[in-house]
Amino acid sequence: MDHSLVISRLGTQLREKRINRGLTQAQLANLAGLTRYKVIAVEKGILSVGMIAYARVLGALDCELAVVPAAMPTLEELGDLFE
């Protein structure tokens, strides 16, 4: 599986978790000790974002990573890979 797809999925899941918690990006950034721009980059799955930023966001959302078998990419995800 393409690494950019993995990061994109993680960013999407973190965004959904933030929204479900009723937090704005600014509130999450404050909780995580990051800038709002870094939270935006995490949620977009920007490849240059360091693992520490993901760890801070996960911690602020009271979440952790779990390694699971990869699911096949959706048609939408495949389309995003070719943009």
PDB file of N, CA and C in Angstrom:
ATOM      1  N   MET A   1       0.848  -1.178   0.000  1.00  0.00           N
ATOM      2  CA  MET A   1       0.000   0.000   0.000  1.00  0.00           C
ATOM      3  C   MET A   1       0.893   1.240   0.000  1.00  0.00           C
ATOM      4  N   ASP A   2       0.487   2.230  -0.727  1.00  0.00           N
ATOM      5  CA  ASP A   2       1.231   3.475  -0.842  1.00  0.00           C
ATOM      6  C   ASP A   2       1.271   4.201   0.505  1.00  0.00           C
ATOM      7  N   HIS A   3       2.454   4.671   0.900  1.00  0.00           N
ATOM      8  CA  HIS A   3       2.602   5.350   2.190  1.00  0.00           C
ATOM      9  C   HIS A   3       1.787   6.636   2.281  1.00  0.00           C
ATOM     10  N   SER A   4       1.604   7.324   1.177  1.00  0.00           N
ATOM     11  CA  SER A   4       0.814   8.559   1.224  1.00  0.00           C
ATOM     12  C   SER A   4      -0.657   8.265   1.518  1.00  0.00           C
ATOM     13  N   LEU A   5      -1.143   7.120   1.089  1.00  0.00           N
ATOM     14  CA  LEU A   5      -2.516   6.724   1.386  1.00  0.00           C
ATOM     15  C   LEU A   5      -2.677   6.422   2.875  1.00  0.00           C
ATOM     16  N   VAL A   6      -1.679   5.777   3.468  1.00  0.00           N
ATOM     17  CA  VAL A   6      -1.716   5.474   4.901  1.00  0.00           C
ATOM     18  C   VAL A   6      -1.784   6.774   5.712  1.00  0.00           C
ATOM     19  N   ILE A   7      -0.940   7.740   5.373  1.00  0.00           N
ATOM     20  CA  ILE A   7      -0.921   9.022   6.083  1.00  0.00           C
ATOM     21  C   ILE A   7      -2.217   9.786   5.855  1.00  0.00           C
ATOM     22  N   SER A   8      -2.741   9.732   4.644  1.00  0.00           N
ATOM     23  CA  SER A   8      -4.007  10.395   4.341  1.00  0.00           C
ATOM     24  C   SER A   8      -5.143   9.815   5.184  1.00  0.00           C
ATOM     25  N   ARG A   9      -5.186   8.493   5.287  1.00  0.00           N
ATOM     26  CA  ARG A   9      -6.223   7.856   6.095  1.00  0.00           C
ATOM     27  C   ARG A   9      -6.094   8.234   7.567  1.00  0.00           C
ATOM     28  N   LEU A  10      -4.863   8.286   8.062  1.00  0.00           N
ATOM     29  CA  LEU A  10      -4.652   8.680   9.454  1.00  0.00           C
ATOM     30  C   LEU A  10      -5.137  10.106   9.684  1.00  0.00           C
ATOM     31  N   GLY A  11      -4.795  11.012   8.784  1.00  0.00           N
ATOM     32  CA  GLY A  11      -5.250  12.396   8.902  1.00  0.00           C
ATOM     33  C   GLY A  11      -6.762  12.506   8.896  1.00  0.00           C
ATOM     34  N   THR A  12      -7.409  11.747   8.021  1.00  0.00           N
ATOM     35  CA  THR A  12      -8.875  11.750   7.947  1.00  0.00           C
ATOM     36  C   THR A  12      -9.482  11.234   9.244  1.00  0.00           C
ATOM     37  N   GLN A  13      -8.917  10.167   9.788  1.00  0.00           N
ATOM     38  CA  GLN A  13      -9.431   9.613  11.039  1.00  0.00           C
ATOM     39  C   GLN A  13      -9.256  10.583  12.197  1.00  0.00           C
ATOM     40  N   LEU A  14      -8.133  11.286  12.228  1.00  0.00           N
ATOM     41  CA  LEU A  14      -7.912  12.263  13.288  1.00  0.00           C
ATOM     42  C   LEU A  14      -8.875  13.440  13.159  1.00  0.00           C
ATOM     43  N   ARG A  15      -9.114  13.883  11.946  1.00  0.00           N
ATOM     44  CA  ARG A  15     -10.076  14.971  11.728  1.00  0.00           C
ATOM     45  C   ARG A  15     -11.465  14.550  12.206  1.00  0.00           C
ATOM     46  N   GLU A  16     -11.882  13.339  11.851  1.00  0.00           N
ATOM     47  CA  GLU A  16     -13.194  12.843  12.275  1.00  0.00           C
ATOM     48  C   GLU A  16     -13.289  12.746  13.796  1.00  0.00           C
ATOM     49  N   LYS A  17     -12.219  12.287  14.429  1.00  0.00           N
ATOM     50  CA  LYS A  17     -12.195  12.180  15.890  1.00  0.00           C
ATOM     51  C   LYS A  17     -12.307  13.571  16.521  1.00  0.00           C
ATOM     52  N   ARG A  18     -11.576  14.550  15.968  1.00  0.00           N
ATOM     53  CA  ARG A  18     -11.642  15.926  16.483  1.00  0.00           C
ATOM     54  C   ARG A  18     -13.049  16.473  16.383  1.00  0.00           C
ATOM     55  N   ILE A  19     -13.672  16.293  15.235  1.00  0.00           N
ATOM     56  CA  ILE A  19     -15.028  16.794  15.013  1.00  0.00           C
ATOM     57  C   ILE A  19     -16.016  16.107  15.952  1.00  0.00           C
ATOM     58  N   ASN A  20     -15.862  14.790  16.105  1.00  0.00           N
ATOM     59  CA  ASN A  20     -16.743  14.049  17.020  1.00  0.00           C
ATOM     60  C   ASN A  20     -16.596  14.517  18.456  1.00  0.00           C
ATOM     61  N   ARG A  21     -15.430  14.989  18.808  1.00  0.00           N
ATOM     62  CA  ARG A  21     -15.195  15.518  20.159  1.00  0.00           C
ATOM     63  C   ARG A  21     -15.667  16.958  20.298  1.00  0.00           C
ATOM     64  N   GLY A  22     -16.090  17.567  19.197  1.00  0.00           N
ATOM     65  CA  GLY A  22     -16.582  18.940  19.233  1.00  0.00           C
ATOM     66  C   GLY A  22     -15.479  19.972  19.371  1.00  0.00           C
ATOM     67  N   LEU A  23     -14.283  19.633  18.898  1.00  0.00           N
ATOM     68  CA  LEU A  23     -13.155  20.557  19.000  1.00  0.00           C
ATOM     69  C   LEU A  23     -12.896  21.261  17.676  1.00  0.00           C
ATOM     70  N   THR A  24     -12.479  22.509  17.760  1.00  0.00           N
ATOM     71  CA  THR A  24     -11.999  23.211  16.575  1.00  0.00           C
ATOM     72  C   THR A  24     -10.528  22.843  16.385  1.00  0.00           C
ATOM     73  N   GLN A  25      -9.996  23.174  15.229  1.00  0.00           N
ATOM     74  CA  GLN A  25      -8.571  22.925  14.993  1.00  0.00           C
ATOM     75  C   GLN A  25      -7.727  23.731  15.975  1.00  0.00           C
ATOM     76  N   ALA A  26      -8.152  24.943  16.272  1.00  0.00           N
ATOM     77  CA  ALA A  26      -7.410  25.787  17.218  1.00  0.00           C
ATOM     78  C   ALA A  26      -7.426  25.186  18.625  1.00  0.00           C
ATOM     79  N   GLN A  27      -8.561  24.661  19.044  1.00  0.00           N
ATOM     80  CA  GLN A  27      -8.639  24.039  20.365  1.00  0.00           C
ATOM     81  C   GLN A  27      -7.751  22.806  20.447  1.00  0.00           C
ATOM     82  N   LEU A  28      -7.784  21.979  19.397  1.00  0.00           N
ATOM     83  CA  LEU A  28      -6.941  20.792  19.376  1.00  0.00           C
ATOM     84  C   LEU A  28      -5.469  21.185  19.371  1.00  0.00           C
ATOM     85  N   ALA A  29      -5.127  22.198  18.612  1.00  0.00           N
ATOM     86  CA  ALA A  29      -3.741  22.669  18.568  1.00  0.00           C
ATOM     87  C   ALA A  29      -3.280  23.088  19.966  1.00  0.00           C
ATOM     88  N   ASN A  30      -4.128  23.790  20.685  1.00  0.00           N
ATOM     89  CA  ASN A  30      -3.799  24.225  22.040  1.00  0.00           C
ATOM     90  C   ASN A  30      -3.580  23.020  22.956  1.00  0.00           C
ATOM     91  N   LEU A  31      -4.464  22.042  22.879  1.00  0.00           N
ATOM     92  CA  LEU A  31      -4.339  20.842  23.701  1.00  0.00           C
ATOM     93  C   LEU A  31      -3.074  20.043  23.366  1.00  0.00           C
ATOM     94  N   ALA A  32      -2.706  20.033  22.096  1.00  0.00           N
ATOM     95  CA  ALA A  32      -1.564  19.250  21.630  1.00  0.00           C
ATOM     96  C   ALA A  32      -0.238  20.003  21.716  1.00  0.00           C
ATOM     97  N   GLY A  33      -0.300  21.305  22.009  1.00  0.00           N
ATOM     98  CA  GLY A  33       0.924  22.099  22.051  1.00  0.00           C
ATOM     99  C   GLY A  33       1.510  22.336  20.675  1.00  0.00           C
ATOM    100  N   LEU A  34       0.637  22.451  19.684  1.00  0.00           N
ATOM    101  CA  LEU A  34       1.031  22.676  18.295  1.00  0.00           C
ATOM    102  C   LEU A  34       0.367  23.936  17.776  1.00  0.00           C
ATOM    103  N   THR A  35       0.778  24.380  16.599  1.00  0.00           N
ATOM    104  CA  THR A  35       0.073  25.476  15.946  1.00  0.00           C
ATOM    105  C   THR A  35      -1.143  24.922  15.202  1.00  0.00           C
ATOM    106  N   ARG A  36      -2.085  25.784  14.934  1.00  0.00           N
ATOM    107  CA  ARG A  36      -3.251  25.380  14.154  1.00  0.00           C
ATOM    108  C   ARG A  36      -2.820  24.904  12.773  1.00  0.00           C
ATOM    109  N   TYR A  37      -1.805  25.542  12.217  1.00  0.00           N
ATOM    110  CA  TYR A  37      -1.321  25.157  10.889  1.00  0.00           C
ATOM    111  C   TYR A  37      -0.754  23.741  10.892  1.00  0.00           C
ATOM    112  N   LYS A  38      -0.127  23.335  11.990  1.00  0.00           N
ATOM    113  CA  LYS A  38       0.402  21.976  12.089  1.00  0.00           C
ATOM    114  C   LYS A  38      -0.752  20.973  12.172  1.00  0.00           C
ATOM    115  N   VAL A  39      -1.820  21.325  12.903  1.00  0.00           N
ATOM    116  CA  VAL A  39      -3.000  20.447  12.979  1.00  0.00           C
ATOM    117  C   VAL A  39      -3.626  20.308  11.589  1.00  0.00           C
ATOM    118  N   ILE A  40      -3.704  21.397  10.860  1.00  0.00           N
ATOM    119  CA  ILE A  40      -4.228  21.348   9.494  1.00  0.00           C
ATOM    120  C   ILE A  40      -3.380  20.395   8.648  1.00  0.00           C
ATOM    121  N   ALA A  41      -2.060  20.499   8.767  1.00  0.00           N
ATOM    122  CA  ALA A  41      -1.158  19.638   7.997  1.00  0.00           C
ATOM    123  C   ALA A  41      -1.339  18.173   8.382  1.00  0.00           C
ATOM    124  N   VAL A  42      -1.519  17.895   9.670  1.00  0.00           N
ATOM    125  CA  VAL A  42      -1.766  16.527  10.132  1.00  0.00           C
ATOM    126  C   VAL A  42      -3.051  15.994   9.511  1.00  0.00           C
ATOM    127  N   GLU A  43      -4.109  16.780   9.574  1.00  0.00           N
ATOM    128  CA  GLU A  43      -5.405  16.339   9.051  1.00  0.00           C
ATOM    129  C   GLU A  43      -5.393  16.164   7.536  1.00  0.00           C
ATOM    130  N   LYS A  44      -4.568  16.920   6.845  1.00  0.00           N
ATOM    131  CA  LYS A  44      -4.462  16.789   5.386  1.00  0.00           C
ATOM    132  C   LYS A  44      -3.540  15.650   4.978  1.00  0.00           C
ATOM    133  N   GLY A  45      -2.785  15.117   5.945  1.00  0.00           N
ATOM    134  CA  GLY A  45      -1.855  14.035   5.620  1.00  0.00           C
ATOM    135  C   GLY A  45      -0.639  14.514   4.860  1.00  0.00           C
ATOM    136  N   ILE A  46      -0.170  15.701   5.186  1.00  0.00           N
ATOM    137  CA  ILE A  46       1.029  16.239   4.545  1.00  0.00           C
ATOM    138  C   ILE A  46       2.215  15.353   4.939  1.00  0.00           C
ATOM    139  N   LEU A  47       2.946  14.867   3.947  1.00  0.00           N
ATOM    140  CA  LEU A  47       3.997  13.884   4.189  1.00  0.00           C
ATOM    141  C   LEU A  47       5.180  14.417   4.983  1.00  0.00           C
ATOM    142  N   SER A  48       5.394  15.719   4.999  1.00  0.00           N
ATOM    143  CA  SER A  48       6.553  16.276   5.698  1.00  0.00           C
ATOM    144  C   SER A  48       6.316  16.452   7.205  1.00  0.00           C
ATOM    145  N   VAL A  49       5.118  16.184   7.682  1.00  0.00           N
ATOM    146  CA  VAL A  49       4.820  16.335   9.113  1.00  0.00           C
ATOM    147  C   VAL A  49       5.484  15.198   9.878  1.00  0.00           C
ATOM    148  N   GLY A  50       6.178  15.552  10.946  1.00  0.00           N
ATOM    149  CA  GLY A  50       6.889  14.560  11.747  1.00  0.00           C
ATOM    150  C   GLY A  50       5.954  13.731  12.613  1.00  0.00           C
ATOM    151  N   MET A  51       6.442  12.568  12.986  1.00  0.00           N
ATOM    152  CA  MET A  51       5.658  11.644  13.816  1.00  0.00           C
ATOM    153  C   MET A  51       5.294  12.259  15.160  1.00  0.00           C
ATOM    154  N   ILE A  52       6.131  13.146  15.688  1.00  0.00           N
ATOM    155  CA  ILE A  52       5.841  13.757  16.983  1.00  0.00           C
ATOM    156  C   ILE A  52       4.552  14.577  16.912  1.00  0.00           C
ATOM    157  N   ALA A  53       4.281  15.215  15.789  1.00  0.00           N
ATOM    158  CA  ALA A  53       3.041  15.983  15.651  1.00  0.00           C
ATOM    159  C   ALA A  53       1.835  15.053  15.683  1.00  0.00           C
ATOM    160  N   TYR A  54       1.950  13.918  14.999  1.00  0.00           N
ATOM    161  CA  TYR A  54       0.858  12.941  15.040  1.00  0.00           C
ATOM    162  C   TYR A  54       0.678  12.410  16.456  1.00  0.00           C
ATOM    163  N   ALA A  55       1.784  12.145  17.143  1.00  0.00           N
ATOM    164  CA  ALA A  55       1.710  11.641  18.515  1.00  0.00           C
ATOM    165  C   ALA A  55       1.056  12.661  19.447  1.00  0.00           C
ATOM    166  N   ARG A  56       1.371  13.931  19.268  1.00  0.00           N
ATOM    167  CA  ARG A  56       0.770  14.973  20.107  1.00  0.00           C
ATOM    168  C   ARG A  56      -0.741  15.086  19.864  1.00  0.00           C
ATOM    169  N   VAL A  57      -1.135  15.020  18.604  1.00  0.00           N
ATOM    170  CA  VAL A  57      -2.558  15.079  18.268  1.00  0.00           C
ATOM    171  C   VAL A  57      -3.278  13.853  18.828  1.00  0.00           C
ATOM    172  N   LEU A  58      -2.700  12.685  18.649  1.00  0.00           N
ATOM    173  CA  LEU A  58      -3.296  11.467  19.198  1.00  0.00           C
ATOM    174  C   LEU A  58      -3.448  11.575  20.710  1.00  0.00           C
ATOM    175  N   GLY A  59      -2.416  12.042  21.386  1.00  0.00           N
ATOM    176  CA  GLY A  59      -2.473  12.196  22.832  1.00  0.00           C
ATOM    177  C   GLY A  59      -3.535  13.189  23.267  1.00  0.00           C
ATOM    178  N   ALA A  60      -3.636  14.297  22.557  1.00  0.00           N
ATOM    179  CA  ALA A  60      -4.633  15.322  22.892  1.00  0.00           C
ATOM    180  C   ALA A  60      -6.056  14.802  22.697  1.00  0.00           C
ATOM    181  N   LEU A  61      -6.228  13.852  21.787  1.00  0.00           N
ATOM    182  CA  LEU A  61      -7.544  13.251  21.542  1.00  0.00           C
ATOM    183  C   LEU A  61      -7.766  11.990  22.382  1.00  0.00           C
ATOM    184  N   ASP A  62      -6.830  11.703  23.294  1.00  0.00           N
ATOM    185  CA  ASP A  62      -6.894  10.494  24.114  1.00  0.00           C
ATOM    186  C   ASP A  62      -6.998   9.235  23.253  1.00  0.00           C
ATOM    187  N   CYS A  63      -6.164   9.172  22.215  1.00  0.00           N
ATOM    188  CA  CYS A  63      -6.148   8.039  21.288  1.00  0.00           C
ATOM    189  C   CYS A  63      -4.729   7.496  21.181  1.00  0.00           C
ATOM    190  N   GLU A  64      -4.610   6.336  20.583  1.00  0.00           N
ATOM    191  CA  GLU A  64      -3.308   5.766  20.269  1.00  0.00           C
ATOM    192  C   GLU A  64      -3.399   5.049  18.936  1.00  0.00           C
ATOM    193  N   LEU A  65      -2.247   4.783  18.344  1.00  0.00           N
ATOM    194  CA  LEU A  65      -2.198   4.064  17.071  1.00  0.00           C
ATOM    195  C   LEU A  65      -2.351   2.571  17.303  1.00  0.00           C
ATOM    196  N   ALA A  66      -3.000   1.921  16.370  1.00  0.00           N
ATOM    197  CA  ALA A  66      -3.086   0.459  16.364  1.00  0.00           C
ATOM    198  C   ALA A  66      -2.723  -0.009  14.960  1.00  0.00           C
ATOM    199  N   VAL A  67      -1.908  -1.028  14.876  1.00  0.00           N
ATOM    200  CA  VAL A  67      -1.488  -1.558  13.580  1.00  0.00           C
ATOM    201  C   VAL A  67      -2.475  -2.649  13.180  1.00  0.00           C
ATOM    202  N   VAL A  68      -3.117  -2.435  12.028  1.00  0.00           N
ATOM    203  CA  VAL A  68      -4.112  -3.380  11.517  1.00  0.00           C
ATOM    204  C   VAL A  68      -3.805  -3.662  10.050  1.00  0.00           C
ATOM    205  N   PRO A  69      -4.270  -4.792   9.534  1.00  0.00           N
ATOM    206  CA  PRO A  69      -4.060  -5.056   8.106  1.00  0.00           C
ATOM    207  C   PRO A  69      -4.695  -3.953   7.251  1.00  0.00           C
ATOM    208  N   ALA A  70      -4.025  -3.635   6.173  1.00  0.00           N
ATOM    209  CA  ALA A  70      -4.501  -2.571   5.288  1.00  0.00           C
ATOM    210  C   ALA A  70      -5.765  -3.003   4.550  1.00  0.00           C
ATOM    211  N   ALA A  71      -6.663  -2.049   4.395  1.00  0.00           N
ATOM    212  CA  ALA A  71      -7.873  -2.264   3.601  1.00  0.00           C
ATOM    213  C   ALA A  71      -7.597  -1.766   2.186  1.00  0.00           C
ATOM    214  N   MET A  72      -8.291  -2.342   1.236  1.00  0.00           N
ATOM    215  CA  MET A  72      -8.139  -1.905  -0.149  1.00  0.00           C
ATOM    216  C   MET A  72      -8.543  -0.431  -0.258  1.00  0.00           C
ATOM    217  N   PRO A  73      -7.848   0.337  -1.080  1.00  0.00           N
ATOM    218  CA  PRO A  73      -8.204   1.740  -1.260  1.00  0.00           C
ATOM    219  C   PRO A  73      -9.577   1.884  -1.923  1.00  0.00           C
ATOM    220  N   THR A  74     -10.285   2.915  -1.504  1.00  0.00           N
ATOM    221  CA  THR A  74     -11.575   3.211  -2.132  1.00  0.00           C
ATOM    222  C   THR A  74     -11.317   3.896  -3.476  1.00  0.00           C
ATOM    223  N   LEU A  75     -12.350   4.002  -4.295  1.00  0.00           N
ATOM    224  CA  LEU A  75     -12.203   4.699  -5.578  1.00  0.00           C
ATOM    225  C   LEU A  75     -11.817   6.152  -5.363  1.00  0.00           C
ATOM    226  N   GLU A  76     -12.379   6.778  -4.336  1.00  0.00           N
ATOM    227  CA  GLU A  76     -12.047   8.179  -4.029  1.00  0.00           C
ATOM    228  C   GLU A  76     -10.567   8.303  -3.657  1.00  0.00           C
ATOM    229  N   GLU A  77     -10.078   7.382  -2.832  1.00  0.00           N
ATOM    230  CA  GLU A  77      -8.671   7.417  -2.444  1.00  0.00           C
ATOM    231  C   GLU A  77      -7.765   7.195  -3.643  1.00  0.00           C
ATOM    232  N   LEU A  78      -8.133   6.303  -4.529  1.00  0.00           N
ATOM    233  CA  LEU A  78      -7.346   6.078  -5.725  1.00  0.00           C
ATOM    234  C   LEU A  78      -7.280   7.334  -6.588  1.00  0.00           C
ATOM    235  N   GLY A  79      -8.408   8.007  -6.702  1.00  0.00           N
ATOM    236  CA  GLY A  79      -8.441   9.250  -7.463  1.00  0.00           C
ATOM    237  C   GLY A  79      -7.546  10.311  -6.860  1.00  0.00           C
ATOM    238  N   ASP A  80      -7.518  10.391  -5.524  1.00  0.00           N
ATOM    239  CA  ASP A  80      -6.671  11.370  -4.830  1.00  0.00           C
ATOM    240  C   ASP A  80      -5.192  11.109  -5.074  1.00  0.00           C
ATOM    241  N   LEU A  81      -4.810   9.853  -5.253  1.00  0.00           N
ATOM    242  CA  LEU A  81      -3.413   9.511  -5.483  1.00  0.00           C
ATOM    243  C   LEU A  81      -2.900  10.060  -6.811  1.00  0.00           C
ATOM    244  N   PHE A  82      -3.807  10.250  -7.769  1.00  0.00           N
ATOM    245  CA  PHE A  82      -3.394  10.693  -9.098  1.00  0.00           C
ATOM    246  C   PHE A  82      -3.568  12.189  -9.318  1.00  0.00           C
ATOM    247  N   GLU A  83      -3.901  12.924  -8.271  1.00  0.00           N
ATOM    248  CA  GLU A  83      -4.049  14.389  -8.403  1.00  0.00           C
ATOM    249  C   GLU A  83      -2.706  15.067  -8.430  1.00  0.00           C
TER     250      GLU A  83
END
